[in-house]
Amino acid sequence: MTIKVKKVSPTAVIPTHGSSFSAGYDLYADLPEALVIMPHATVTVDTGLKFELPEGYFAGIFARSGIATREGLRPANCVGVCDSDYRGNYMVALHNDSEEPRTVTPHEKIAQMIVMPYLPLEFEEAEELSDTVRGEGGFGSTGT
């Protein structure tokens, strides 16, 4: 599958992936200079890119394990969803979960994008739902 991407900044970096079997494509910070994110603060970081996803697909924006575990930085909404009809800049709201200021540098990998299909749905209101063995058992109901 080929995804059209438009650089809206000459310094933007086209997504890359770490290996031929990586599901996620790295998104890079398109910053003119280093940016400090204070503890427990959220800052929006532009990628400088726009995408044209095929109908029936969306881009999930996930944390990168390295920056999350070493720096405490993750997408503020945990997983971002970019729909196929969105044509604006892809931005990542990075949240600093650590107790220290963290610095994001120009062209640093800040998140990963995974393009996934979704099923179009319709909802039908019902008076009753079918029974299952589990029933209404919720959190922890299937064991530890």
Protein backbone atom coordinates (compact mmCIF):
# COMPACT_ATOMS: atom_id res chain seq x y z
CA MET A 1 0.00 0.00 0.00
CA THR A 2 1.24 3.48 -0.81
CA ILE A 3 0.29 6.45 1.36
CA LYS A 4 0.53 9.97 -0.06
CA VAL A 5 2.39 12.36 2.24
CA LYS A 6 2.86 16.11 1.83
CA LYS A 7 5.68 18.03 3.49
CA VAL A 8 4.32 21.36 4.69
CA SER A 9 7.75 22.26 6.02
CA PRO A 10 11.05 21.82 4.18
CA THR A 11 12.61 20.39 7.35
CA ALA A 12 9.93 17.72 7.91
CA VAL A 13 11.08 14.10 7.89
CA ILE A 14 9.11 11.40 6.04
CA PRO A 15 8.22 8.54 8.46
CA THR A 16 10.66 5.64 8.70
CA HIS A 17 10.57 2.24 10.35
CA GLY A 18 13.29 0.48 12.31
CA SER A 19 13.12 -2.88 10.56
CA SER A 20 11.33 -4.49 7.65
CA PHE A 21 8.85 -6.11 10.08
CA SER A 22 8.11 -3.02 12.20
CA ALA A 23 4.39 -2.26 12.35
CA GLY A 24 4.95 1.34 13.38
CA TYR A 25 6.48 4.13 11.31
CA ASP A 26 8.41 6.71 13.32
CA LEU A 27 7.14 10.29 13.34
CA TYR A 28 9.69 13.05 13.82
CA ALA A 29 9.48 16.42 15.56
CA ASP A 30 9.57 19.25 13.04
CA LEU A 31 10.99 21.90 15.35
CA PRO A 32 13.19 24.93 14.60
CA GLU A 33 14.95 24.46 17.96
CA ALA A 34 14.92 22.23 21.03
CA LEU A 35 11.70 22.29 23.06
CA VAL A 36 11.53 21.75 26.83
CA ILE A 37 8.49 20.00 28.27
CA MET A 38 8.09 20.63 31.98
CA PRO A 39 7.06 17.84 34.39
CA HIS A 40 3.41 16.81 34.01
CA ALA A 41 2.93 19.28 31.15
CA THR A 42 1.68 18.66 27.61
CA VAL A 43 3.07 20.34 24.50
CA THR A 44 1.86 19.91 20.91
CA VAL A 45 4.66 19.00 18.51
CA ASP A 46 4.15 19.32 14.74
CA THR A 47 5.49 16.68 12.36
CA GLY A 48 5.34 19.07 9.40
CA LEU A 49 3.46 16.40 7.44
CA LYS A 50 -0.02 15.80 6.02
CA PHE A 51 -1.25 12.39 4.87
CA GLU A 52 -3.87 11.01 2.52
CA LEU A 53 -5.02 7.70 3.92
CA PRO A 54 -7.22 5.36 1.89
CA GLU A 55 -10.90 5.15 2.79
CA GLY A 56 -11.49 2.43 5.36
CA TYR A 57 -8.20 3.07 7.17
CA PHE A 58 -7.01 5.31 10.00
CA ALA A 59 -3.63 6.15 11.48
CA GLY A 60 -3.12 5.26 15.13
CA ILE A 61 -0.49 7.44 16.81
CA PHE A 62 1.22 5.47 19.59
CA ALA A 63 4.06 6.05 22.04
CA ARG A 64 7.54 4.90 21.11
CA SER A 65 8.78 2.53 23.79
CA GLY A 66 12.24 4.11 24.01
CA ILE A 67 11.19 7.72 24.58
CA ALA A 68 8.36 6.58 26.88
CA THR A 69 10.53 4.41 29.15
CA ARG A 70 13.72 6.52 29.15
CA GLU A 71 12.20 10.01 29.11
CA GLY A 72 8.64 9.56 30.36
CA LEU A 73 7.20 11.14 27.20
CA ARG A 74 4.05 9.77 25.58
CA PRO A 75 1.13 11.01 23.51
CA ALA A 76 -1.17 12.86 25.93
CA ASN A 77 -4.24 11.02 24.63
CA CYS A 78 -2.32 7.70 24.82
CA VAL A 79 -3.41 6.74 21.29
CA GLY A 80 -4.26 9.37 18.69
CA VAL A 81 -6.67 8.60 15.87
CA CYS A 82 -6.25 10.32 12.50
CA ASP A 83 -9.17 9.60 10.17
CA SER A 84 -8.85 9.09 6.43
CA ASP A 85 -10.71 12.32 5.64
CA TYR A 86 -8.38 14.47 7.81
CA ARG A 87 -6.00 16.56 5.69
CA GLY A 88 -4.36 18.75 8.33
CA ASN A 89 -0.89 18.53 9.85
CA TYR A 90 -0.22 15.50 11.97
CA MET A 91 0.53 16.82 15.46
CA VAL A 92 1.52 14.87 18.56
CA ALA A 93 0.51 16.19 21.97
CA LEU A 94 3.45 14.96 24.05
CA HIS A 95 2.96 14.64 27.79
CA ASN A 96 5.84 14.51 30.27
CA ASP A 97 4.98 11.94 32.96
CA SER A 98 8.35 12.38 34.69
CA GLU A 99 9.40 14.66 37.55
CA GLU A 100 12.12 16.30 35.40
CA PRO A 101 11.98 18.72 32.46
CA ARG A 102 12.48 16.80 29.20
CA THR A 103 13.90 18.17 25.97
CA VAL A 104 12.68 17.24 22.48
CA THR A 105 15.17 18.08 19.75
CA PRO A 106 14.55 18.86 16.09
CA HIS A 107 14.06 15.67 14.05
CA GLU A 108 13.78 13.51 17.17
CA LYS A 109 11.48 10.48 16.89
CA ILE A 110 8.44 11.38 19.01
CA ALA A 111 5.77 8.77 18.26
CA GLN A 112 4.92 5.94 15.91
CA MET A 113 2.13 5.73 13.38
CA ILE A 114 0.36 2.48 12.53
CA VAL A 115 -2.11 2.52 9.64
CA MET A 116 -5.00 0.14 10.30
CA PRO A 117 -8.31 -0.82 8.69
CA TYR A 118 -11.56 -0.33 10.53
CA LEU A 119 -15.04 -1.75 10.11
CA PRO A 120 -17.90 0.61 9.29
CA LEU A 121 -20.67 -0.03 11.81
CA GLU A 122 -24.31 0.71 12.40
CA PHE A 123 -25.85 0.53 15.85
CA GLU A 124 -29.22 -1.07 16.44
CA GLU A 125 -30.94 -0.41 19.74
CA ALA A 126 -32.14 -3.64 21.39
CA GLU A 127 -34.31 -4.41 24.40
CA GLU A 128 -32.26 -7.53 25.23
CA LEU A 129 -28.81 -8.94 24.44
CA SER A 130 -27.92 -12.63 24.10
CA ASP A 131 -26.68 -14.48 27.19
CA THR A 132 -23.08 -15.65 27.60
CA VAL A 133 -21.28 -17.68 30.27
CA ARG A 134 -19.47 -14.54 31.44
CA GLY A 135 -22.60 -12.40 31.49
CA GLU A 136 -22.03 -9.00 33.08
CA GLY A 137 -18.79 -9.97 34.86
CA GLY A 138 -16.46 -7.01 34.56
CA PHE A 139 -13.02 -6.07 35.84
CA GLY A 140 -11.20 -9.14 37.16
CA SER A 141 -14.16 -11.46 36.64
CA THR A 142 -12.21 -13.94 34.51
CA GLY A 143 -9.39 -14.40 37.05
CA THR A 144 -6.02 -12.80 37.75
